[in-house]
């Protein structure tokens, strides 16, 4: 049975994300990599981005050619989210890639459709530009700083409640606040390390920062529960 474009794309991403290992032994070790044997057969029978969509012409529902598929974007959550459509050749202008949400794409026979899409509309859309590693670093730092700032606000609110508490409740809240402050300090220190690492080595600290921020978030949630 032929799969629809959207289901096939999501299925392909899911197989990559969840398939078990195949017994492909690395010389000199017992390490296994790749997919389970059963999954290999399933993938072979499935949909191919290279053969099924990349480079294909995109039409609108009036049958007009409006672009070609240059790429697909898979988010960190492993979902196919966007088609990158190169529209330059059809617009009589320089290269102009645009990102189209996959939910707007339809499949009609062997054709890829963007219902309601026009050359003029693509021309007015912002051009899609791949993020550089520097951009990713800056975005990650900005999100981390926002998360820390929001958590710091919650800590201030909790400190006020702890200051107004009495008896055993105050003792308990003060004890919990010690843990929260320690976790917050750890998150801030990890972010400082990432910033100092520079553009080439920042990814070595990315997961440490994320875990530290998640830990302080859980600490304040437990303290305020």
C-alpha atoms as a PDB file:
ATOM      1  CA  UNK A   1       0.000   0.000   0.000  1.00  0.00           C
ATOM      2  CA  UNK A   2       1.369   3.371  -0.929  1.00  0.00           C
ATOM      3  CA  UNK A   3       2.019   5.662   1.998  1.00  0.00           C
ATOM      4  CA  UNK A   4       1.154   9.304   2.005  1.00  0.00           C
ATOM      5  CA  UNK A   5       4.040  11.750   1.935  1.00  0.00           C
ATOM      6  CA  UNK A   6       3.571  12.965   5.493  1.00  0.00           C
ATOM      7  CA  UNK A   7       3.155   9.514   7.080  1.00  0.00           C
ATOM      8  CA  UNK A   8       6.158   8.194   5.178  1.00  0.00           C
ATOM      9  CA  UNK A   9       8.378  11.062   6.259  1.00  0.00           C
ATOM     10  CA  UNK A  10       7.387  10.752   9.908  1.00  0.00           C
ATOM     11  CA  UNK A  11       7.799   6.993   9.694  1.00  0.00           C
ATOM     12  CA  UNK A  12      11.287   7.323   8.274  1.00  0.00           C
ATOM     13  CA  UNK A  13      12.303   9.636  11.089  1.00  0.00           C
ATOM     14  CA  UNK A  14      10.766   7.302  13.647  1.00  0.00           C
ATOM     15  CA  UNK A  15      12.658   4.283  12.348  1.00  0.00           C
ATOM     16  CA  UNK A  16      15.902   6.149  12.601  1.00  0.00           C
ATOM     17  CA  UNK A  17      15.095   7.229  16.125  1.00  0.00           C
ATOM     18  CA  UNK A  18      13.811   3.947  17.585  1.00  0.00           C
ATOM     19  CA  UNK A  19      15.289   1.036  15.638  1.00  0.00           C
ATOM     20  CA  UNK A  20      17.319  -1.439  17.672  1.00  0.00           C
ATOM     21  CA  UNK A  21      20.906  -2.431  16.885  1.00  0.00           C
ATOM     22  CA  UNK A  22      21.946  -4.874  14.170  1.00  0.00           C
ATOM     23  CA  UNK A  23      24.796  -7.254  15.012  1.00  0.00           C
ATOM     24  CA  UNK A  24      27.412  -5.496  12.900  1.00  0.00           C
ATOM     25  CA  UNK A  25      30.631  -6.129  14.783  1.00  0.00           C
ATOM     26  CA  UNK A  26      33.448  -3.609  14.788  1.00  0.00           C
ATOM     27  CA  UNK A  27      36.851  -5.211  14.268  1.00  0.00           C
ATOM     28  CA  UNK A  28      38.526  -5.979  17.578  1.00  0.00           C
ATOM     29  CA  UNK A  29      35.410  -5.374  19.674  1.00  0.00           C
ATOM     30  CA  UNK A  30      31.898  -6.600  20.373  1.00  0.00           C
ATOM     31  CA  UNK A  31      30.287  -3.210  19.702  1.00  0.00           C
ATOM     32  CA  UNK A  32      27.079  -3.276  17.653  1.00  0.00           C
ATOM     33  CA  UNK A  33      25.685  -0.427  15.621  1.00  0.00           C
ATOM     34  CA  UNK A  34      22.758   0.350  13.361  1.00  0.00           C
ATOM     35  CA  UNK A  35      19.308  -1.268  13.212  1.00  0.00           C
ATOM     36  CA  UNK A  36      17.792  -4.591  14.131  1.00  0.00           C
ATOM     37  CA  UNK A  37      17.656  -7.128  11.299  1.00  0.00           C
ATOM     38  CA  UNK A  38      13.855  -6.902  11.087  1.00  0.00           C
ATOM     39  CA  UNK A  39      14.022  -3.127  10.842  1.00  0.00           C
ATOM     40  CA  UNK A  40      16.444  -3.339   7.914  1.00  0.00           C
ATOM     41  CA  UNK A  41      13.793  -5.124   5.856  1.00  0.00           C
ATOM     42  CA  UNK A  42      11.142  -2.609   6.888  1.00  0.00           C
ATOM     43  CA  UNK A  43      13.352   0.302   5.860  1.00  0.00           C
ATOM     44  CA  UNK A  44      14.142  -1.311   2.506  1.00  0.00           C
ATOM     45  CA  UNK A  45      10.417  -1.559   1.766  1.00  0.00           C
ATOM     46  CA  UNK A  46       9.725   1.983   2.869  1.00  0.00           C
ATOM     47  CA  UNK A  47       9.955   5.494   1.509  1.00  0.00           C
ATOM     48  CA  UNK A  48      13.181   7.137   0.326  1.00  0.00           C
ATOM     49  CA  UNK A  49      13.774  10.859   0.701  1.00  0.00           C
ATOM     50  CA  UNK A  50      16.439  10.764  -2.006  1.00  0.00           C
ATOM     51  CA  UNK A  51      14.297   8.916  -4.545  1.00  0.00           C
ATOM     52  CA  UNK A  52      10.854  10.054  -3.503  1.00  0.00           C
ATOM     53  CA  UNK A  53      11.100  13.770  -2.868  1.00  0.00           C
ATOM     54  CA  UNK A  54      14.502  15.480  -2.982  1.00  0.00           C
ATOM     55  CA  UNK A  55      14.877  17.373  -6.231  1.00  0.00           C
ATOM     56  CA  UNK A  56      11.231  16.908  -7.207  1.00  0.00           C
ATOM     57  CA  UNK A  57       9.189  19.758  -8.620  1.00  0.00           C
ATOM     58  CA  UNK A  58       6.595  21.368  -6.380  1.00  0.00           C
ATOM     59  CA  UNK A  59       3.272  22.381  -7.924  1.00  0.00           C
ATOM     60  CA  UNK A  60       0.337  24.395  -6.688  1.00  0.00           C
ATOM     61  CA  UNK A  61      -3.242  23.155  -7.009  1.00  0.00           C
ATOM     62  CA  UNK A  62      -3.542  24.976 -10.345  1.00  0.00           C
ATOM     63  CA  UNK A  63      -0.819  22.744 -11.811  1.00  0.00           C
ATOM     64  CA  UNK A  64       1.803  25.515 -11.928  1.00  0.00           C
ATOM     65  CA  UNK A  65       5.431  24.771 -11.119  1.00  0.00           C
ATOM     66  CA  UNK A  66       6.482  26.880  -8.179  1.00  0.00           C
ATOM     67  CA  UNK A  67       9.742  25.343  -6.969  1.00  0.00           C
ATOM     68  CA  UNK A  68      11.827  22.252  -6.238  1.00  0.00           C
ATOM     69  CA  UNK A  69      12.494  20.365  -3.019  1.00  0.00           C
ATOM     70  CA  UNK A  70      16.083  21.066  -1.965  1.00  0.00           C
ATOM     71  CA  UNK A  71      16.027  19.587   1.536  1.00  0.00           C
ATOM     72  CA  UNK A  72      13.949  18.350   4.446  1.00  0.00           C
ATOM     73  CA  UNK A  73      14.397  19.560   8.008  1.00  0.00           C
ATOM     74  CA  UNK A  74      14.239  17.130  10.936  1.00  0.00           C
ATOM     75  CA  UNK A  75      13.971  18.811  14.316  1.00  0.00           C
ATOM     76  CA  UNK A  76      15.971  17.700  17.362  1.00  0.00           C
ATOM     77  CA  UNK A  77      12.817  15.842  18.447  1.00  0.00           C
ATOM     78  CA  UNK A  78      13.244  13.727  15.281  1.00  0.00           C
ATOM     79  CA  UNK A  79      10.122  14.961  13.486  1.00  0.00           C
ATOM     80  CA  UNK A  80      10.156  16.094   9.879  1.00  0.00           C
ATOM     81  CA  UNK A  81       8.875  19.650  10.138  1.00  0.00           C
ATOM     82  CA  UNK A  82       9.695  21.552   6.947  1.00  0.00           C
ATOM     83  CA  UNK A  83      10.441  21.138   3.289  1.00  0.00           C
ATOM     84  CA  UNK A  84      13.073  23.517   1.975  1.00  0.00           C
ATOM     85  CA  UNK A  85      11.854  24.600  -1.448  1.00  0.00           C
ATOM     86  CA  UNK A  86      14.217  26.244  -3.903  1.00  0.00           C
ATOM     87  CA  UNK A  87      12.181  28.765  -5.837  1.00  0.00           C
ATOM     88  CA  UNK A  88      14.855  30.783  -7.614  1.00  0.00           C
ATOM     89  CA  UNK A  89      14.856  28.930 -10.910  1.00  0.00           C
ATOM     90  CA  UNK A  90      11.126  29.383 -11.359  1.00  0.00           C
ATOM     91  CA  UNK A  91      11.047  33.026 -10.343  1.00  0.00           C
ATOM     92  CA  UNK A  92      13.621  34.330 -12.768  1.00  0.00           C
ATOM     93  CA  UNK A  93      15.794  35.457  -9.890  1.00  0.00           C
ATOM     94  CA  UNK A  94      18.744  34.290  -7.800  1.00  0.00           C
ATOM     95  CA  UNK A  95      18.557  31.310  -5.458  1.00  0.00           C
ATOM     96  CA  UNK A  96      15.727  31.792  -2.981  1.00  0.00           C
ATOM     97  CA  UNK A  97      15.055  28.907  -0.609  1.00  0.00           C
ATOM     98  CA  UNK A  98      11.964  29.021   1.584  1.00  0.00           C
ATOM     99  CA  UNK A  99      10.843  26.771   4.446  1.00  0.00           C
ATOM    100  CA  UNK A 100       7.345  25.301   4.095  1.00  0.00           C
ATOM    101  CA  UNK A 101       5.698  23.479   7.035  1.00  0.00           C
ATOM    102  CA  UNK A 102       5.161  19.833   6.167  1.00  0.00           C
ATOM    103  CA  UNK A 103       1.513  20.116   7.248  1.00  0.00           C
ATOM    104  CA  UNK A 104       0.894  22.373   4.223  1.00  0.00           C
ATOM    105  CA  UNK A 105       2.263  19.852   1.725  1.00  0.00           C
ATOM    106  CA  UNK A 106       0.042  17.378  -0.112  1.00  0.00           C
ATOM    107  CA  UNK A 107       0.742  14.428  -2.402  1.00  0.00           C
ATOM    108  CA  UNK A 108      -1.270  13.921  -5.564  1.00  0.00           C
ATOM    109  CA  UNK A 109      -0.165  10.866  -7.466  1.00  0.00           C
ATOM    110  CA  UNK A 110       3.526  11.400  -8.146  1.00  0.00           C
ATOM    111  CA  UNK A 111       3.254  15.160  -7.643  1.00  0.00           C
ATOM    112  CA  UNK A 112       4.100  17.214  -4.595  1.00  0.00           C
ATOM    113  CA  UNK A 113       1.562  19.990  -4.056  1.00  0.00           C
ATOM    114  CA  UNK A 114       1.537  23.215  -2.098  1.00  0.00           C
ATOM    115  CA  UNK A 115      -2.147  24.156  -2.290  1.00  0.00           C
ATOM    116  CA  UNK A 116      -2.644  27.888  -2.671  1.00  0.00           C
ATOM    117  CA  UNK A 117       1.046  28.453  -3.297  1.00  0.00           C
ATOM    118  CA  UNK A 118       2.103  30.906  -5.983  1.00  0.00           C
ATOM    119  CA  UNK A 119       5.374  32.168  -7.381  1.00  0.00           C
ATOM    120  CA  UNK A 120       4.574  35.611  -6.075  1.00  0.00           C
ATOM    121  CA  UNK A 121       3.918  34.292  -2.574  1.00  0.00           C
ATOM    122  CA  UNK A 122       7.220  32.402  -2.477  1.00  0.00           C
ATOM    123  CA  UNK A 123       9.025  35.475  -3.717  1.00  0.00           C
ATOM    124  CA  UNK A 124       7.773  37.538  -0.785  1.00  0.00           C
ATOM    125  CA  UNK A 125       8.633  34.906   1.861  1.00  0.00           C
ATOM    126  CA  UNK A 126      11.816  35.344   3.902  1.00  0.00           C
ATOM    127  CA  UNK A 127      14.694  33.376   2.437  1.00  0.00           C
ATOM    128  CA  UNK A 128      15.706  30.276   4.380  1.00  0.00           C
ATOM    129  CA  UNK A 129      19.319  30.326   5.558  1.00  0.00           C
ATOM    130  CA  UNK A 130      20.993  27.425   7.317  1.00  0.00           C
ATOM    131  CA  UNK A 131      22.086  28.282  10.828  1.00  0.00           C
ATOM    132  CA  UNK A 132      25.812  28.411  11.441  1.00  0.00           C
ATOM    133  CA  UNK A 133      27.299  26.802  14.527  1.00  0.00           C
ATOM    134  CA  UNK A 134      27.800  30.285  15.947  1.00  0.00           C
ATOM    135  CA  UNK A 135      24.084  30.988  15.525  1.00  0.00           C
ATOM    136  CA  UNK A 136      23.162  27.721  17.250  1.00  0.00           C
ATOM    137  CA  UNK A 137      25.500  28.566  20.125  1.00  0.00           C
ATOM    138  CA  UNK A 138      24.023  32.047  20.533  1.00  0.00           C
ATOM    139  CA  UNK A 139      20.481  30.678  20.463  1.00  0.00           C
ATOM    140  CA  UNK A 140      21.310  27.988  23.009  1.00  0.00           C
ATOM    141  CA  UNK A 141      22.947  30.515  25.346  1.00  0.00           C
ATOM    142  CA  UNK A 142      19.960  32.863  25.024  1.00  0.00           C
ATOM    143  CA  UNK A 143      17.489  30.080  25.882  1.00  0.00           C
ATOM    144  CA  UNK A 144      19.637  28.919  28.799  1.00  0.00           C
ATOM    145  CA  UNK A 145      19.852  32.447  30.197  1.00  0.00           C
ATOM    146  CA  UNK A 146      16.071  32.823  29.904  1.00  0.00           C
ATOM    147  CA  UNK A 147      15.510  29.517  31.705  1.00  0.00           C
ATOM    148  CA  UNK A 148      17.888  30.516  34.493  1.00  0.00           C
ATOM    149  CA  UNK A 149      16.255  33.938  34.820  1.00  0.00           C
ATOM    150  CA  UNK A 150      12.764  32.408  35.107  1.00  0.00           C
ATOM    151  CA  UNK A 151      14.004  29.937  37.699  1.00  0.00           C
ATOM    152  CA  UNK A 152      15.711  32.718  39.644  1.00  0.00           C
ATOM    153  CA  UNK A 153      12.372  34.545  39.844  1.00  0.00           C
ATOM    154  CA  UNK A 154      10.747  31.433  41.280  1.00  0.00           C
ATOM    155  CA  UNK A 155      13.559  31.134  43.818  1.00  0.00           C
ATOM    156  CA  UNK A 156      12.983  34.722  44.963  1.00  0.00           C
ATOM    157  CA  UNK A 157       9.281  33.978  45.446  1.00  0.00           C
ATOM    158  CA  UNK A 158      10.117  30.854  47.427  1.00  0.00           C
ATOM    159  CA  UNK A 159      12.611  32.749  49.598  1.00  0.00           C
ATOM    160  CA  UNK A 160       9.877  35.229  50.525  1.00  0.00           C
ATOM    161  CA  UNK A 161       7.565  32.400  51.547  1.00  0.00           C
ATOM    162  CA  UNK A 162      10.361  30.759  53.531  1.00  0.00           C
ATOM    163  CA  UNK A 163      11.053  34.049  55.296  1.00  0.00           C
ATOM    164  CA  UNK A 164       7.443  34.326  56.383  1.00  0.00           C
ATOM    165  CA  UNK A 165       7.168  30.705  57.499  1.00  0.00           C
ATOM    166  CA  UNK A 166       7.556  29.537  61.082  1.00  0.00           C
ATOM    167  CA  UNK A 167       8.347  26.387  62.992  1.00  0.00           C
ATOM    168  CA  UNK A 168       8.925  23.081  61.191  1.00  0.00           C
ATOM    169  CA  UNK A 169       7.679  24.511  57.901  1.00  0.00           C
ATOM    170  CA  UNK A 170      10.434  27.123  57.925  1.00  0.00           C
ATOM    171  CA  UNK A 171      13.089  24.557  58.809  1.00  0.00           C
ATOM    172  CA  UNK A 172      11.955  22.355  55.909  1.00  0.00           C
ATOM    173  CA  UNK A 173      11.854  25.246  53.418  1.00  0.00           C
ATOM    174  CA  UNK A 174      15.268  26.527  54.495  1.00  0.00           C
ATOM    175  CA  UNK A 175      16.711  23.058  53.999  1.00  0.00           C
ATOM    176  CA  UNK A 176      15.168  22.766  50.547  1.00  0.00           C
ATOM    177  CA  UNK A 177      16.431  26.226  49.645  1.00  0.00           C
ATOM    178  CA  UNK A 178      20.018  25.119  50.293  1.00  0.00           C
ATOM    179  CA  UNK A 179      19.646  22.433  47.617  1.00  0.00           C
ATOM    180  CA  UNK A 180      17.971  24.846  45.196  1.00  0.00           C
ATOM    181  CA  UNK A 181      20.745  27.417  45.590  1.00  0.00           C
ATOM    182  CA  UNK A 182      23.404  24.764  45.063  1.00  0.00           C
ATOM    183  CA  UNK A 183      21.712  23.533  41.902  1.00  0.00           C
ATOM    184  CA  UNK A 184      21.296  27.091  40.629  1.00  0.00           C
ATOM    185  CA  UNK A 185      24.991  27.827  41.233  1.00  0.00           C
ATOM    186  CA  UNK A 186      25.927  24.651  39.348  1.00  0.00           C
ATOM    187  CA  UNK A 187      23.753  25.644  36.367  1.00  0.00           C
ATOM    188  CA  UNK A 188      25.220  29.142  36.248  1.00  0.00           C
ATOM    189  CA  UNK A 189      28.775  27.777  36.471  1.00  0.00           C
ATOM    190  CA  UNK A 190      28.159  25.312  33.642  1.00  0.00           C
ATOM    191  CA  UNK A 191      26.824  28.084  31.436  1.00  0.00           C
ATOM    192  CA  UNK A 192      29.905  30.193  32.180  1.00  0.00           C
ATOM    193  CA  UNK A 193      32.099  27.246  31.158  1.00  0.00           C
ATOM    194  CA  UNK A 194      30.203  26.920  27.897  1.00  0.00           C
ATOM    195  CA  UNK A 195      30.625  30.616  27.119  1.00  0.00           C
ATOM    196  CA  UNK A 196      34.349  30.422  27.799  1.00  0.00           C
ATOM    197  CA  UNK A 197      34.733  27.368  25.579  1.00  0.00           C
ATOM    198  CA  UNK A 198      34.380  29.465  22.439  1.00  0.00           C
ATOM    199  CA  UNK A 199      32.679  28.724  19.148  1.00  0.00           C
ATOM    200  CA  UNK A 200      34.533  25.474  18.408  1.00  0.00           C
ATOM    201  CA  UNK A 201      34.185  23.642  21.729  1.00  0.00           C
ATOM    202  CA  UNK A 202      30.889  24.900  23.147  1.00  0.00           C
ATOM    203  CA  UNK A 203      29.032  21.702  22.220  1.00  0.00           C
ATOM    204  CA  UNK A 204      31.202  19.773  24.685  1.00  0.00           C
ATOM    205  CA  UNK A 205      29.327  21.627  27.446  1.00  0.00           C
ATOM    206  CA  UNK A 206      25.850  21.766  25.887  1.00  0.00           C
ATOM    207  CA  UNK A 207      24.442  18.636  27.529  1.00  0.00           C
ATOM    208  CA  UNK A 208      25.980  19.550  30.907  1.00  0.00           C
ATOM    209  CA  UNK A 209      24.239  22.934  30.842  1.00  0.00           C
ATOM    210  CA  UNK A 210      20.908  21.397  29.838  1.00  0.00           C
ATOM    211  CA  UNK A 211      21.076  18.805  32.614  1.00  0.00           C
ATOM    212  CA  UNK A 212      22.078  21.402  35.214  1.00  0.00           C
ATOM    213  CA  UNK A 213      19.173  23.682  34.264  1.00  0.00           C
ATOM    214  CA  UNK A 214      16.741  20.769  34.367  1.00  0.00           C
ATOM    215  CA  UNK A 215      18.053  19.770  37.793  1.00  0.00           C
ATOM    216  CA  UNK A 216      17.519  23.229  39.284  1.00  0.00           C
ATOM    217  CA  UNK A 217      14.066  23.386  37.703  1.00  0.00           C
ATOM    218  CA  UNK A 218      13.107  20.104  39.358  1.00  0.00           C
ATOM    219  CA  UNK A 219      14.594  21.265  42.658  1.00  0.00           C
ATOM    220  CA  UNK A 220      12.478  24.405  42.799  1.00  0.00           C
ATOM    221  CA  UNK A 221       9.371  22.443  41.720  1.00  0.00           C
ATOM    222  CA  UNK A 222       9.891  19.958  44.542  1.00  0.00           C
ATOM    223  CA  UNK A 223      10.545  22.748  47.008  1.00  0.00           C
ATOM    224  CA  UNK A 224       7.376  24.618  46.078  1.00  0.00           C
ATOM    225  CA  UNK A 225       5.136  21.561  45.764  1.00  0.00           C
END
